Amino acid sequence: MRRSNIQSLGSAIKDYLKDRHLDGKMAEIEAVNAWETLLGVQIARATESIYIKDSTLYVTLRSSIVRNELFMMRNDIINGMNQHVGRIVVKAIVLK
């Protein structure tokens, strides 16, 4: 007997996460993990911590020079992260 509704494992996992309302959290994790890819190794080395809470990206940096540079680029960073994930995950950035 053949099953008519065969689904790939990746598709089944995505559906499960969506049903449990966890797909937004997975997108946030993917955005945080893309930090080094989007901004480069030098910026990643100057970063102490990074996390997303309530659609705000919080970044703690070791260097005030890097902080000022990122402050000037904050709209580009928001657009790049959201584009990388494919949905709006970050709406604001707080640099410490």
Protein backbone atom coordinates (compact mmCIF):
# COMPACT_ATOMS: atom_id res chain seq x y z
CA MET A 1 0.00 0.00 0.00
CA ARG A 2 1.38 3.36 -1.00
CA ARG A 3 1.06 6.54 1.04
CA SER A 4 -0.18 9.54 -0.87
CA ASN A 5 1.07 12.28 1.47
CA ILE A 6 4.78 11.59 1.62
CA GLN A 7 6.77 14.56 2.93
CA SER A 8 10.50 15.17 3.18
CA LEU A 9 12.08 15.23 6.64
CA GLY A 10 13.14 18.89 6.30
CA SER A 11 9.62 19.88 5.32
CA ALA A 12 8.14 17.91 8.22
CA ILE A 13 10.50 19.61 10.70
CA LYS A 14 9.62 23.07 9.34
CA ASP A 15 5.91 22.30 9.66
CA TYR A 16 6.41 21.05 13.22
CA LEU A 17 8.33 24.19 14.24
CA LYS A 18 5.69 26.38 12.63
CA ASP A 19 2.88 24.56 14.45
CA ARG A 20 4.71 25.02 17.77
CA HIS A 21 5.45 28.72 16.97
CA LEU A 22 9.21 28.08 17.16
CA ASP A 23 10.06 29.11 13.60
CA GLY A 24 10.59 32.74 14.70
CA LYS A 25 13.12 31.68 17.34
CA MET A 26 14.97 29.55 14.78
CA ALA A 27 15.15 32.57 12.45
CA GLU A 28 16.64 34.63 15.31
CA ILE A 29 19.29 31.97 15.93
CA GLU A 30 20.10 31.87 12.23
CA ALA A 31 20.48 35.68 12.17
CA VAL A 32 22.84 35.65 15.18
CA ASN A 33 24.90 32.85 13.63
CA ALA A 34 25.26 34.92 10.43
CA TRP A 35 26.97 37.80 12.29
CA GLU A 36 30.50 36.77 11.28
CA THR A 37 29.48 35.98 7.72
CA LEU A 38 27.75 39.32 7.23
CA LEU A 39 30.24 41.61 9.00
CA GLY A 40 33.53 39.77 8.76
CA VAL A 41 36.08 38.15 11.02
CA GLN A 42 37.51 41.39 12.46
CA ILE A 43 34.11 42.57 13.69
CA ALA A 44 33.33 39.10 15.06
CA ARG A 45 36.58 39.15 17.04
CA ALA A 46 35.63 42.51 18.58
CA THR A 47 32.20 41.15 19.56
CA GLU A 48 31.79 39.87 23.11
CA SER A 49 28.13 38.85 23.01
CA ILE A 50 25.22 39.04 20.61
CA TYR A 51 21.57 38.10 21.06
CA ILE A 52 18.08 39.05 19.92
CA LYS A 53 15.24 39.89 22.29
CA ASP A 54 11.88 41.34 21.22
CA SER A 55 13.13 42.02 17.66
CA THR A 56 16.07 44.06 18.98
CA LEU A 57 19.64 42.94 18.32
CA TYR A 58 21.90 43.51 21.33
CA VAL A 59 25.63 43.55 20.60
CA THR A 60 28.38 44.01 23.20
CA LEU A 61 31.69 45.10 21.70
CA ARG A 62 35.24 45.40 23.05
CA SER A 63 36.18 48.41 20.93
CA SER A 64 34.56 51.84 20.91
CA ILE A 65 35.92 52.41 17.41
CA VAL A 66 34.12 49.35 16.09
CA ARG A 67 30.99 50.41 18.01
CA ASN A 68 30.99 53.80 16.28
CA GLU A 69 31.50 52.22 12.86
CA LEU A 70 28.64 49.77 13.42
CA PHE A 71 26.43 52.57 14.70
CA MET A 72 26.85 54.31 11.35
CA MET A 73 26.01 51.04 9.53
CA ARG A 74 23.07 49.95 11.72
CA ASN A 75 20.40 50.22 8.98
CA ASP A 76 22.56 48.20 6.58
CA ILE A 77 23.12 45.58 9.28
CA ILE A 78 19.39 45.29 9.97
CA ASN A 79 18.60 44.94 6.26
CA GLY A 80 21.41 42.41 5.72
CA MET A 81 20.38 40.20 8.63
CA ASN A 82 16.72 40.23 7.65
CA GLN A 83 17.58 39.51 4.04
CA HIS A 84 19.88 36.63 5.07
CA VAL A 85 17.10 35.02 7.11
CA GLY A 86 14.36 35.81 4.62
CA ARG A 87 12.01 37.51 7.07
CA ILE A 88 11.95 40.47 9.45
CA VAL A 89 13.71 39.33 12.61
CA VAL A 90 15.64 42.47 13.61
CA LYS A 91 13.96 45.88 13.85
CA ALA A 92 16.51 47.75 16.00
CA ILE A 93 20.11 47.45 17.21
CA VAL A 94 21.55 48.32 20.60
CA LEU A 95 25.37 48.56 20.66
CA LYS A 96 27.09 48.41 24.04
